[in-house]
Amino acid sequence: MYVKPVAGRSVPDPAHGDLLPASGRNVEENNYWLRRLMAGDVESVSKQKEGNDE
């Protein structure tokens, strides 16, 4: 699933050992990220393809 932090939040990414970038990242759908979603620390977004939408 693709998640990004809500405005004003710094969210650790334990799999990468750093903070989740403001632009978001594809992460494994596990209990950690589901808890972050429920707590309102991150939001799930659909990663859009780059290029023309025809």
C-alpha atoms as a PDB file:
ATOM      1  CA  MET A   1       0.000   0.000   0.000  1.00  0.00           C
ATOM      2  CA  TYR A   2       1.158   3.543  -0.635  1.00  0.00           C
ATOM      3  CA  VAL A   3       1.071   5.916   2.335  1.00  0.00           C
ATOM      4  CA  LYS A   4       2.252   9.416   3.100  1.00  0.00           C
ATOM      5  CA  PRO A   5       2.424  11.302   6.383  1.00  0.00           C
ATOM      6  CA  VAL A   6      -0.295  13.828   7.143  1.00  0.00           C
ATOM      7  CA  ALA A   7       0.837  17.458   7.251  1.00  0.00           C
ATOM      8  CA  GLY A   8       3.025  18.235  10.231  1.00  0.00           C
ATOM      9  CA  ARG A   9       3.827  14.615  11.120  1.00  0.00           C
ATOM     10  CA  SER A  10       7.146  12.787  11.057  1.00  0.00           C
ATOM     11  CA  VAL A  11       6.523   9.055  10.872  1.00  0.00           C
ATOM     12  CA  PRO A  12       9.309   6.480  11.317  1.00  0.00           C
ATOM     13  CA  ASP A  13       9.552   3.713   8.724  1.00  0.00           C
ATOM     14  CA  PRO A  14      11.015   0.736  10.593  1.00  0.00           C
ATOM     15  CA  ALA A  15      11.668  -1.267   7.418  1.00  0.00           C
ATOM     16  CA  HIS A  16      13.956   1.456   6.017  1.00  0.00           C
ATOM     17  CA  GLY A  17      15.289   2.856   9.292  1.00  0.00           C
ATOM     18  CA  ASP A  18      14.358   6.424   8.378  1.00  0.00           C
ATOM     19  CA  LEU A  19      11.362   8.731   8.279  1.00  0.00           C
ATOM     20  CA  LEU A  20       8.569   8.286   5.776  1.00  0.00           C
ATOM     21  CA  PRO A  21       9.148  10.917   3.052  1.00  0.00           C
ATOM     22  CA  ALA A  22       6.570  13.700   2.705  1.00  0.00           C
ATOM     23  CA  SER A  23       5.851  12.436  -0.824  1.00  0.00           C
ATOM     24  CA  GLY A  24       5.050   8.994   0.565  1.00  0.00           C
ATOM     25  CA  ARG A  25       6.323   5.487  -0.025  1.00  0.00           C
ATOM     26  CA  ASN A  26       5.062   2.039  -0.915  1.00  0.00           C
ATOM     27  CA  VAL A  27       5.050   0.002   2.301  1.00  0.00           C
ATOM     28  CA  GLU A  28       4.050  -3.498   3.359  1.00  0.00           C
ATOM     29  CA  GLU A  29       0.480  -3.655   4.619  1.00  0.00           C
ATOM     30  CA  ASN A  30       1.099  -4.826   8.175  1.00  0.00           C
ATOM     31  CA  ASN A  31      -0.065  -4.060  11.712  1.00  0.00           C
ATOM     32  CA  TYR A  32       2.390  -1.168  12.101  1.00  0.00           C
ATOM     33  CA  TRP A  33       1.063   0.772   9.105  1.00  0.00           C
ATOM     34  CA  LEU A  34      -2.548  -0.122   9.833  1.00  0.00           C
ATOM     35  CA  ARG A  35      -2.093   1.340  13.331  1.00  0.00           C
ATOM     36  CA  ARG A  36      -0.528   4.488  11.841  1.00  0.00           C
ATOM     37  CA  LEU A  37      -3.583   4.805   9.559  1.00  0.00           C
ATOM     38  CA  MET A  38      -6.023   4.359  12.448  1.00  0.00           C
ATOM     39  CA  ALA A  39      -4.098   6.893  14.571  1.00  0.00           C
ATOM     40  CA  GLY A  40      -4.236   9.461  11.761  1.00  0.00           C
ATOM     41  CA  ASP A  41      -0.446   9.685  11.374  1.00  0.00           C
ATOM     42  CA  VAL A  42      -0.519   8.663   7.702  1.00  0.00           C
ATOM     43  CA  GLU A  43      -3.008   8.598   4.876  1.00  0.00           C
ATOM     44  CA  SER A  44      -3.357   5.947   2.207  1.00  0.00           C
ATOM     45  CA  VAL A  45      -3.066   7.318  -1.310  1.00  0.00           C
ATOM     46  CA  SER A  46      -3.217   5.752  -4.736  1.00  0.00           C
ATOM     47  CA  LYS A  47       0.061   6.223  -6.549  1.00  0.00           C
ATOM     48  CA  GLN A  48      -0.739   7.817  -9.892  1.00  0.00           C
ATOM     49  CA  LYS A  49       1.108   6.818 -13.012  1.00  0.00           C
ATOM     50  CA  GLU A  50       3.288   9.460 -14.571  1.00  0.00           C
ATOM     51  CA  GLY A  51       2.485  10.378 -18.139  1.00  0.00           C
ATOM     52  CA  ASN A  52      -0.585  11.141 -20.192  1.00  0.00           C
ATOM     53  CA  ASP A  53      -3.998   9.917 -19.120  1.00  0.00           C
ATOM     54  CA  GLU A  54      -5.693   9.049 -22.393  1.00  0.00           C
END
